[in-house]
Amino acid sequence: MKNLGFGMMRLPVLSGPTDFDYAQLNRMVDAFLEAGYTYFDTSFVYHNGKSEEATRKALVERHPRDSFTVATKFPTFMLIPEEKIEETFQSQLNNLGVDYIDYYLLHNIQTVYYDGYDGKGGIVKTTHLFDHAKKWKEDGKIRHLGISFHSSAKLLDRVLTEHPEIEFVQIALNPIGWGSELVQAGPCYEVIRRHGRKIVIMEAVKGGGLARLPEEAEAVLKTVHPDWSIASWSVRFCLEKEDVIAVLSGMSTLEQVLDNTKASNEAKPLTDEERKALAEAMRIYRESAPIKQSELEKYKGLLYHGVPVSAILQAWSICQIQPDPGFSDDNNYLKNAVAEAEHTDFRKGLEKQTVIAPDGTDITEIVEKAVAWLTEHSF
């Protein structure tokens, strides 16, 4: 279970997102390696496009190349034209200061754009992105090819069927996302395993959203393990999953590195008592949202543009109790659910649909409010 990964997306900074606190970051990288961990995950876009450079300075230039593995991602959502794809990839090698990338991902494969990436047309201009990635691997510029995924289990099954070259999939997975109607972490995890591919878990602590819970929920967990941090419960939930290359945690302080490596070093499969406590804490957490999970049950069966109303309201409501509501994994799934149901990009606007609950209540206003917010905060 010693497969913790260092997510380089919330690094310590001084005056802004690209002014890195290298004194602390270097100590964090060193402590992570000294604890026996090697997987570092970055991206072309993290920290306003400077995370790869920070990874080079704190990791690549300070440690032997064979002492770590580095993962980064091609920014599919930037809709980079065909003629700029090779240039973009080369810039990533230069940013990182490496001749090859251990784990390379096509970032954010989703329903809205997938056919365009695949050379089949669709909403975006054809780019043959998968063909480029396969060539980079053939040339030894990447060791393992994967995708970062933010859509339905149905699409994921199709993607993995059509692309046997994909070796691993990075998905958002945590104790809340596991049962989410839109995120579908549990079903996606099972699809990946059924296809015999490996998994990288992101959002293990939900961007810090599961590091602090309502007082009542924390008390449930502390009763079982007073010495465990709240965040470590979510990390342990992920670490016990099978076929996992790395469980990513976006770490901002040395204390977080030490806490996460400690949790990983000690991690064992959760006991029945621990699972029960975690489930109860998550129930309390969901009930603390603006729309309680128990209230969502009465909307089962209702659809808004082909998407379950309960899923829309659940995603919006969970986002509102995150430290940064606009940066939560839930807010990026609605557009794909609409695209899958109606073959349209919801950001171009949706026709008005009235939504009436089984008891006769008109809930159109709250559904439209949720859809508008999720639209505004999706990428």
Foldseek 3Di string as FASTA:
>chain_A
DLQAEAELQQAAADPALQRHPLVFLLVLVVVLLVLPYAEYEYECCGSNRQSLLSLQVNPVVPDDPVSHAYEYEDAVVVLDAQVCRVVSVVVSCVSNVHQAHAEYAHEEQFQQCNCQDCQNDHPHHRRNVVVVVVVCCVVVRYPAYAYEYQEDLVVLLVVCVVDVSHAEYEAEDWPQLCPAPQRVVVSNLVSCVVSVHAYEYECLCQLVQQQDAPPVLVVLQCVVPVPAGRSLLSVLVVLPDPRYNHYYDHDHGSVVSVNNSVSSVPHDNDDPSSVVSNVVSVQRRQCVFPQHLVNLVQQPPWDDLQHRLSNLVSLLRNLVSGPHSLPGSSLARPQRSNCVRPVDRCLVDDDQDWTATPVGRTPSVVSVVSVVVSSVSYD
